[in-house]
N, C-alpha and C. Protein backbone atom coordinates (compact mmCIF):
# COMPACT_ATOMS: atom_id res chain seq x y z
N MET A 1 0.91 -1.18 0.01
CA MET A 1 -0.10 0.01 -0.03
C MET A 1 0.88 1.20 -0.01
N CYS A 2 0.65 2.16 -0.89
CA CYS A 2 1.47 3.37 -1.12
C CYS A 2 0.76 4.52 -0.66
N ALA A 3 1.53 5.41 0.02
CA ALA A 3 0.89 6.66 0.53
C ALA A 3 1.95 7.90 0.42
N ILE A 4 1.29 8.96 0.56
CA ILE A 4 1.99 10.27 0.38
C ILE A 4 1.65 11.10 1.58
N VAL A 5 2.54 11.58 2.34
CA VAL A 5 2.26 12.48 3.58
C VAL A 5 2.58 13.90 3.13
N ASP A 6 1.61 14.71 3.14
CA ASP A 6 1.78 16.21 2.90
C ASP A 6 2.55 16.81 3.95
N ALA A 7 3.33 17.86 3.60
CA ALA A 7 4.19 18.43 4.62
C ALA A 7 3.38 19.14 5.62
N ASN A 8 2.08 19.46 5.47
CA ASN A 8 1.44 20.22 6.39
C ASN A 8 0.90 19.30 7.53
N VAL A 9 1.12 17.95 7.36
CA VAL A 9 0.75 17.09 8.52
C VAL A 9 1.96 16.19 8.99
N ALA A 10 3.19 16.63 8.50
CA ALA A 10 4.27 15.76 8.83
C ALA A 10 4.53 15.64 10.32
N SER A 11 4.29 16.66 11.00
CA SER A 11 4.47 16.67 12.49
C SER A 11 3.39 15.72 13.08
N GLU A 12 2.30 15.55 12.54
CA GLU A 12 1.21 14.72 13.06
C GLU A 12 1.64 13.17 12.94
N VAL A 13 2.46 12.95 11.97
CA VAL A 13 2.89 11.58 11.69
C VAL A 13 4.27 11.25 12.36
N PHE A 14 5.25 12.21 12.15
CA PHE A 14 6.56 11.97 12.59
C PHE A 14 6.96 12.75 13.82
N GLY A 15 6.16 13.65 14.35
CA GLY A 15 6.56 14.58 15.35
C GLY A 15 6.60 13.81 16.83
N ALA A 16 6.96 14.56 17.77
CA ALA A 16 7.04 13.96 19.18
C ALA A 16 5.66 13.84 19.74
N THR A 17 4.76 14.82 19.52
CA THR A 17 3.40 14.71 20.03
C THR A 17 2.45 14.53 18.95
N ARG A 18 2.04 13.29 18.71
CA ARG A 18 1.17 12.99 17.56
C ARG A 18 -0.27 12.76 18.12
N PRO A 19 -1.30 13.16 17.34
CA PRO A 19 -2.63 12.77 17.56
C PRO A 19 -2.73 11.31 17.32
N PRO A 20 -3.78 10.64 17.92
CA PRO A 20 -3.96 9.19 17.87
C PRO A 20 -4.00 8.68 16.31
N ALA A 21 -4.62 9.52 15.46
CA ALA A 21 -4.83 9.09 14.10
C ALA A 21 -3.35 9.30 13.35
N GLY A 22 -2.64 10.20 13.70
CA GLY A 22 -1.20 10.40 13.24
C GLY A 22 -0.36 9.24 13.63
N LYS A 23 -0.45 8.82 14.92
CA LYS A 23 0.28 7.72 15.39
C LYS A 23 -0.01 6.40 14.67
N LYS A 24 -1.35 6.24 14.44
CA LYS A 24 -1.84 5.02 13.77
C LYS A 24 -1.23 4.97 12.38
N PHE A 25 -1.22 6.13 11.71
CA PHE A 25 -0.64 6.25 10.40
C PHE A 25 0.73 5.82 10.40
N PHE A 26 1.55 6.47 11.32
CA PHE A 26 3.00 6.24 11.44
C PHE A 26 3.23 4.65 11.67
N ASP A 27 2.41 4.15 12.67
CA ASP A 27 2.66 2.66 12.90
C ASP A 27 2.39 1.86 11.58
N TRP A 28 1.45 2.24 10.82
CA TRP A 28 1.20 1.56 9.62
C TRP A 28 2.39 1.56 8.58
N LEU A 29 3.01 2.82 8.60
CA LEU A 29 4.27 2.98 7.76
C LEU A 29 5.45 2.25 8.43
N ASN A 30 5.62 2.40 9.73
CA ASN A 30 6.74 1.86 10.35
C ASN A 30 6.88 0.40 10.47
N THR A 31 5.67 -0.31 10.46
CA THR A 31 5.58 -1.70 10.51
C THR A 31 5.74 -2.31 9.17
N GLY A 32 5.72 -1.58 8.07
CA GLY A 32 5.77 -2.00 6.73
C GLY A 32 4.53 -2.42 6.13
N ARG A 33 3.45 -2.28 6.81
CA ARG A 33 2.16 -2.53 6.15
C ARG A 33 1.85 -1.44 5.01
N GLY A 34 2.38 -0.19 5.21
CA GLY A 34 2.18 0.88 4.34
C GLY A 34 3.56 1.31 3.91
N ARG A 35 3.62 1.97 2.65
CA ARG A 35 4.92 2.31 2.14
C ARG A 35 4.74 3.63 1.64
N LEU A 36 5.64 4.56 2.17
CA LEU A 36 5.70 6.02 1.85
C LEU A 36 6.30 6.21 0.60
N VAL A 37 5.83 7.05 -0.28
CA VAL A 37 6.59 7.56 -1.48
C VAL A 37 6.88 8.96 -1.43
N VAL A 38 8.06 9.36 -1.80
CA VAL A 38 8.46 10.71 -1.77
C VAL A 38 9.35 11.12 -2.93
N GLY A 39 9.53 12.39 -3.15
CA GLY A 39 10.45 12.92 -4.23
C GLY A 39 10.14 14.29 -4.60
N GLY A 40 10.97 14.89 -5.33
CA GLY A 40 10.83 16.23 -5.84
C GLY A 40 10.66 17.25 -4.76
N LYS A 41 9.83 18.23 -5.05
CA LYS A 41 9.53 19.42 -4.10
C LYS A 41 9.04 18.82 -2.69
N LEU A 42 8.18 17.78 -2.81
CA LEU A 42 7.60 17.38 -1.43
C LEU A 42 8.75 16.88 -0.56
N LEU A 43 9.75 16.16 -1.11
CA LEU A 43 10.80 15.56 -0.33
C LEU A 43 11.70 16.88 0.22
N LEU A 44 11.80 18.01 -0.51
CA LEU A 44 12.46 19.08 -0.03
C LEU A 44 11.60 19.79 1.19
N GLU A 45 10.27 19.81 1.03
CA GLU A 45 9.43 20.31 2.04
C GLU A 45 9.54 19.43 3.31
N LEU A 46 9.47 18.12 3.15
CA LEU A 46 9.48 17.21 4.35
C LEU A 46 10.85 17.30 4.98
N ASP A 47 12.00 17.57 4.25
CA ASP A 47 13.27 17.75 4.84
C ASP A 47 13.30 18.80 5.96
N LYS A 48 12.28 19.74 5.90
CA LYS A 48 12.21 20.81 6.90
C LYS A 48 11.34 20.49 8.06
N THR A 49 10.92 19.26 8.15
CA THR A 49 9.97 18.80 9.23
C THR A 49 10.57 17.70 10.03
N PRO A 50 9.83 17.23 11.18
CA PRO A 50 10.31 16.15 11.98
C PRO A 50 10.49 14.79 11.17
N ALA A 51 9.85 14.79 9.91
CA ALA A 51 9.95 13.53 9.07
C ALA A 51 11.30 13.25 8.63
N ARG A 52 12.12 14.20 8.42
CA ARG A 52 13.41 14.25 7.76
C ARG A 52 14.26 12.92 8.10
N ASP A 53 14.54 12.67 9.35
CA ASP A 53 15.50 11.53 9.63
C ASP A 53 14.81 10.20 9.36
N TRP A 54 13.52 10.04 9.79
CA TRP A 54 12.82 8.95 9.61
C TRP A 54 12.82 8.54 8.05
N ILE A 55 12.46 9.51 7.25
CA ILE A 55 12.44 9.25 5.79
C ILE A 55 13.83 8.92 5.20
N ARG A 56 14.84 9.54 5.54
CA ARG A 56 16.15 9.23 5.12
C ARG A 56 16.47 7.79 5.48
N GLN A 57 16.23 7.31 6.73
CA GLN A 57 16.50 5.93 7.07
C GLN A 57 15.60 4.98 6.35
N ALA A 58 14.30 5.42 6.10
CA ALA A 58 13.38 4.50 5.40
C ALA A 58 13.75 4.33 3.92
N ILE A 59 14.28 5.35 3.35
CA ILE A 59 14.79 5.24 1.93
C ILE A 59 15.88 4.15 1.88
N LEU A 60 16.86 4.37 2.91
CA LEU A 60 18.08 3.39 2.76
C LEU A 60 17.65 1.92 3.10
N SER A 61 16.51 1.71 3.93
CA SER A 61 16.14 0.45 4.29
C SER A 61 15.06 -0.17 3.30
N GLY A 62 14.65 0.63 2.30
CA GLY A 62 13.58 0.21 1.39
C GLY A 62 12.19 0.33 1.80
N ARG A 63 11.86 0.99 2.98
CA ARG A 63 10.58 1.12 3.45
C ARG A 63 9.91 2.38 2.79
N THR A 64 10.65 3.13 2.15
CA THR A 64 10.11 4.46 1.51
C THR A 64 10.79 4.45 0.16
N ARG A 65 9.87 4.68 -0.91
CA ARG A 65 10.29 4.77 -2.35
C ARG A 65 10.55 6.10 -2.70
N LEU A 66 11.75 6.41 -3.19
CA LEU A 66 12.10 7.74 -3.72
C LEU A 66 11.89 7.76 -5.14
N GLU A 67 11.09 8.65 -5.61
CA GLU A 67 10.81 8.82 -7.11
C GLU A 67 11.60 9.88 -7.71
N ASP A 68 11.83 9.83 -9.05
CA ASP A 68 12.61 10.73 -9.81
C ASP A 68 12.21 12.09 -9.68
N SER A 69 12.88 13.04 -9.11
CA SER A 69 12.56 14.39 -8.97
C SER A 69 12.34 15.13 -10.33
N SER A 70 13.14 14.80 -11.34
CA SER A 70 12.97 15.51 -12.58
C SER A 70 11.63 15.12 -13.23
N LEU A 71 11.18 13.83 -13.24
CA LEU A 71 9.87 13.41 -13.66
C LEU A 71 8.79 14.17 -12.97
N ILE A 72 8.81 14.22 -11.64
CA ILE A 72 7.90 14.84 -10.84
C ILE A 72 7.77 16.41 -11.21
N ALA A 73 8.95 17.04 -11.37
CA ALA A 73 8.99 18.55 -11.72
C ALA A 73 8.32 18.68 -13.16
N GLU A 74 8.62 17.78 -14.01
CA GLU A 74 8.06 18.01 -15.37
C GLU A 74 6.56 17.74 -15.39
N ARG A 75 6.01 16.84 -14.74
CA ARG A 75 4.64 16.57 -14.61
C ARG A 75 3.90 17.68 -13.93
N ALA A 76 4.55 18.12 -12.84
CA ALA A 76 3.98 19.26 -12.04
C ALA A 76 3.85 20.51 -12.92
N SER A 77 4.90 20.70 -13.73
CA SER A 77 4.84 21.84 -14.67
C SER A 77 3.65 21.75 -15.66
N GLU A 78 3.56 20.52 -16.25
CA GLU A 78 2.34 20.31 -17.18
C GLU A 78 1.09 20.60 -16.37
N LEU A 79 0.88 20.15 -15.19
CA LEU A 79 -0.27 20.30 -14.50
C LEU A 79 -0.56 21.84 -14.23
N THR A 80 0.48 22.61 -13.94
CA THR A 80 0.40 24.01 -13.65
C THR A 80 0.01 24.72 -15.06
N ASP A 81 0.81 24.41 -15.99
CA ASP A 81 0.61 25.08 -17.33
C ASP A 81 -0.87 24.90 -17.88
N ASN A 82 -1.43 23.75 -17.58
CA ASN A 82 -2.80 23.46 -18.03
C ASN A 82 -3.89 23.71 -17.03
N ARG A 83 -3.39 24.33 -15.82
CA ARG A 83 -4.36 24.74 -14.87
C ARG A 83 -5.32 23.66 -14.46
N LEU A 84 -4.80 22.46 -14.19
CA LEU A 84 -5.61 21.22 -13.98
C LEU A 84 -5.93 21.12 -12.44
N CYS A 85 -5.16 21.82 -11.59
CA CYS A 85 -5.26 21.58 -10.18
C CYS A 85 -5.83 22.89 -9.54
N LYS A 86 -6.66 22.81 -8.58
CA LYS A 86 -7.26 23.84 -7.82
C LYS A 86 -6.24 24.33 -6.74
N SER A 87 -5.45 23.32 -6.23
CA SER A 87 -4.43 23.59 -5.17
C SER A 87 -3.18 24.17 -5.80
N ASP A 88 -2.31 24.58 -4.89
CA ASP A 88 -0.98 24.96 -5.28
C ASP A 88 0.06 23.84 -5.13
N ASP A 89 -0.44 22.60 -5.10
CA ASP A 89 0.31 21.49 -4.69
C ASP A 89 0.39 20.54 -5.97
N THR A 90 0.74 21.11 -7.14
CA THR A 90 0.78 20.26 -8.31
C THR A 90 1.83 19.18 -8.13
N HIS A 91 2.96 19.48 -7.41
CA HIS A 91 3.99 18.57 -7.24
C HIS A 91 3.47 17.32 -6.46
N VAL A 92 2.45 17.46 -5.60
CA VAL A 92 1.97 16.27 -4.91
C VAL A 92 1.12 15.35 -5.81
N ILE A 93 0.33 16.02 -6.66
CA ILE A 93 -0.58 15.31 -7.63
C ILE A 93 0.41 14.57 -8.65
N ALA A 94 1.44 15.22 -9.10
CA ALA A 94 2.56 14.64 -9.98
C ALA A 94 3.12 13.41 -9.33
N LEU A 95 3.48 13.55 -8.12
CA LEU A 95 4.10 12.41 -7.34
C LEU A 95 3.13 11.27 -7.30
N ALA A 96 1.81 11.49 -7.03
CA ALA A 96 0.83 10.47 -7.07
C ALA A 96 0.78 9.78 -8.53
N GLN A 97 0.66 10.61 -9.57
CA GLN A 97 0.52 10.11 -10.93
C GLN A 97 1.76 9.27 -11.24
N ILE A 98 2.89 9.73 -10.86
CA ILE A 98 4.21 9.04 -11.28
C ILE A 98 4.45 7.73 -10.43
N SER A 99 4.11 7.86 -9.04
CA SER A 99 4.37 6.69 -8.18
C SER A 99 3.29 5.68 -8.12
N GLY A 100 2.10 6.11 -8.44
CA GLY A 100 1.02 5.21 -8.31
C GLY A 100 0.25 5.16 -6.89
N ALA A 101 0.86 5.97 -6.08
CA ALA A 101 0.27 6.08 -4.53
C ALA A 101 -1.14 6.61 -4.67
N ARG A 102 -2.05 6.00 -3.96
CA ARG A 102 -3.41 6.44 -4.07
C ARG A 102 -3.94 6.71 -2.61
N LEU A 103 -3.17 6.88 -1.64
CA LEU A 103 -3.52 7.45 -0.34
C LEU A 103 -2.75 8.73 -0.01
N LEU A 104 -3.36 9.64 0.46
CA LEU A 104 -2.85 10.96 0.74
C LEU A 104 -3.22 11.33 2.25
N TYR A 105 -2.28 11.59 3.05
CA TYR A 105 -2.55 12.19 4.38
C TYR A 105 -2.32 13.60 4.23
N SER A 106 -3.34 14.37 4.39
CA SER A 106 -3.30 15.81 4.26
C SER A 106 -4.50 16.50 4.94
N ASN A 107 -4.20 17.72 5.39
CA ASN A 107 -5.41 18.56 5.95
C ASN A 107 -5.67 19.72 5.04
N ASP A 108 -5.13 19.65 3.90
CA ASP A 108 -5.26 20.88 2.91
C ASP A 108 -6.58 20.54 2.16
N SER A 109 -7.62 21.27 2.25
CA SER A 109 -8.85 20.95 1.53
C SER A 109 -8.73 21.05 0.09
N ASN A 110 -7.91 21.97 -0.46
CA ASN A 110 -7.82 22.11 -1.90
C ASN A 110 -7.03 20.92 -2.49
N LEU A 111 -5.93 20.60 -1.79
CA LEU A 111 -5.25 19.36 -2.19
C LEU A 111 -6.06 18.11 -2.18
N GLN A 112 -6.87 17.93 -1.09
CA GLN A 112 -7.72 16.78 -0.95
C GLN A 112 -8.66 16.81 -2.16
N ARG A 113 -9.27 17.87 -2.56
CA ARG A 113 -10.13 17.88 -3.68
C ARG A 113 -9.52 17.48 -4.89
N ASP A 114 -8.28 17.97 -5.17
CA ASP A 114 -7.56 17.56 -6.35
C ASP A 114 -7.21 16.07 -6.39
N PHE A 115 -6.76 15.56 -5.24
CA PHE A 115 -6.37 14.16 -5.14
C PHE A 115 -7.63 13.24 -5.32
N LYS A 116 -8.81 13.66 -5.05
CA LYS A 116 -9.97 12.83 -5.32
C LYS A 116 -10.67 13.09 -6.61
N THR A 117 -10.03 13.96 -7.46
CA THR A 117 -10.61 14.34 -8.80
C THR A 117 -10.11 13.16 -9.79
N LYS A 118 -11.03 12.54 -10.34
CA LYS A 118 -10.96 11.38 -11.18
C LYS A 118 -9.91 11.68 -12.34
N SER A 119 -10.06 12.86 -12.91
CA SER A 119 -9.16 13.20 -14.12
C SER A 119 -7.69 13.39 -13.70
N LEU A 120 -7.41 13.51 -12.41
CA LEU A 120 -6.03 13.62 -11.80
C LEU A 120 -5.46 12.45 -11.26
N VAL A 121 -6.28 11.79 -10.41
CA VAL A 121 -5.74 10.54 -9.69
C VAL A 121 -6.86 9.53 -9.86
N ASP A 122 -6.49 8.44 -10.69
CA ASP A 122 -7.49 7.47 -10.98
C ASP A 122 -6.86 6.05 -11.18
N ASN A 123 -7.65 5.10 -11.14
CA ASN A 123 -7.26 3.72 -11.44
C ASN A 123 -6.21 3.11 -10.43
N PRO A 124 -6.58 2.92 -9.22
CA PRO A 124 -7.81 3.30 -8.49
C PRO A 124 -7.80 4.73 -8.10
N ARG A 125 -9.03 5.29 -7.67
CA ARG A 125 -9.19 6.60 -7.37
C ARG A 125 -8.32 6.98 -6.10
N GLY A 126 -8.08 8.29 -5.95
CA GLY A 126 -7.31 8.69 -4.73
C GLY A 126 -8.13 8.76 -3.52
N ARG A 127 -7.62 8.31 -2.34
CA ARG A 127 -8.26 8.39 -1.18
C ARG A 127 -7.49 9.32 -0.14
N VAL A 128 -8.24 9.98 0.82
CA VAL A 128 -7.64 10.98 1.63
C VAL A 128 -7.80 10.55 3.17
N TYR A 129 -6.69 10.49 3.81
CA TYR A 129 -6.58 10.27 5.32
C TYR A 129 -6.46 11.69 5.91
N THR A 130 -7.28 12.10 6.74
CA THR A 130 -7.28 13.45 7.26
C THR A 130 -7.64 13.46 8.75
N THR A 131 -7.04 14.58 9.44
CA THR A 131 -7.45 14.77 10.87
C THR A 131 -8.03 16.03 11.05
N VAL A 132 -8.69 16.59 10.04
CA VAL A 132 -9.38 18.00 10.07
C VAL A 132 -10.50 17.89 11.08
N ILE A 133 -11.34 16.75 11.05
CA ILE A 133 -12.50 16.70 11.89
C ILE A 133 -12.22 15.73 13.02
N HIS A 134 -11.44 14.64 12.81
CA HIS A 134 -11.24 13.66 13.85
C HIS A 134 -9.79 13.43 14.05
N THR A 135 -9.18 13.71 15.20
CA THR A 135 -7.84 13.52 15.48
C THR A 135 -7.64 12.10 16.20
N ASP A 136 -8.77 11.60 16.67
CA ASP A 136 -8.75 10.18 17.18
C ASP A 136 -8.86 9.30 15.97
N VAL A 137 -8.50 7.95 16.19
CA VAL A 137 -8.63 6.98 15.15
C VAL A 137 -10.17 6.65 15.10
N ASN A 138 -10.66 6.74 13.90
CA ASN A 138 -12.12 6.46 13.64
C ASN A 138 -12.17 5.28 12.62
N SER A 139 -13.44 4.84 12.32
CA SER A 139 -13.61 3.76 11.34
C SER A 139 -13.12 4.19 9.99
N SER A 140 -13.24 5.49 9.51
CA SER A 140 -12.60 5.76 8.27
C SER A 140 -11.11 5.65 8.13
N HIS A 141 -10.47 5.98 9.20
CA HIS A 141 -9.01 5.91 9.24
C HIS A 141 -8.63 4.43 9.23
N ARG A 142 -9.32 3.52 10.03
CA ARG A 142 -9.01 2.10 10.00
C ARG A 142 -9.29 1.52 8.66
N ARG A 143 -10.38 1.92 8.10
CA ARG A 143 -10.77 1.33 6.76
C ARG A 143 -9.74 1.72 5.75
N LEU A 144 -9.30 2.93 5.67
CA LEU A 144 -8.26 3.30 4.77
C LEU A 144 -6.97 2.55 4.90
N LEU A 145 -6.51 2.33 6.08
CA LEU A 145 -5.24 1.71 6.35
C LEU A 145 -5.34 0.10 6.07
N ARG A 146 -6.57 -0.42 5.82
CA ARG A 146 -6.77 -1.75 5.60
C ARG A 146 -6.89 -2.07 4.12
N MET A 147 -7.17 -0.90 3.28
CA MET A 147 -7.42 -1.19 1.85
C MET A 147 -6.30 -1.76 1.15
N PRO A 148 -6.56 -2.72 0.35
CA PRO A 148 -5.40 -3.45 -0.39
C PRO A 148 -4.98 -2.81 -1.74
N ASN A 149 -5.83 -1.86 -2.26
CA ASN A 149 -5.48 -1.30 -3.53
C ASN A 149 -5.11 0.10 -3.54
N LEU A 150 -4.16 0.53 -2.72
CA LEU A 150 -3.78 1.89 -2.60
C LEU A 150 -2.55 2.20 -3.50
N CYS A 151 -2.22 1.30 -4.36
CA CYS A 151 -1.08 1.46 -5.37
C CYS A 151 -1.51 1.16 -6.70
N ARG A 152 -1.05 1.91 -7.66
CA ARG A 152 -1.26 1.58 -9.02
C ARG A 152 0.15 1.43 -9.54
N MET A 153 0.42 0.47 -10.29
CA MET A 153 1.66 0.27 -10.94
C MET A 153 1.87 1.41 -11.99
N PRO A 154 2.84 2.24 -11.79
CA PRO A 154 3.15 3.27 -12.77
C PRO A 154 3.54 2.83 -14.11
């Protein structure tokens, strides 16, 4: 199962004080049931958060997949030029398209809307894990982390 963590929630997943839903997501990644994908601008953003050290170790150990930054930048540029995204996070949508990751942890409503847009993220459709409303683990959080089809082979 492949996932993307937006920089706006990195502290919820990798920080010292995590909400229960963030801890559940981290445990999902850390135990190997989930696999984080990173690359391009998002990796640079995450390098400025508490996620930095964990991600670097996870890349080396194979628990996190590093995608080609130049491919992500090229795709993000196409998305921006064609004004296909409502958010300013074309690099995250580009990462999803290139990596095949279909789960996004984010609290950015515009990015969530883009990630669930069929024309941008499909086959399977993008799913969003969020703590905007519930920081405790709820049935939606558990269901998302049990889904088997959160990766599309690029």
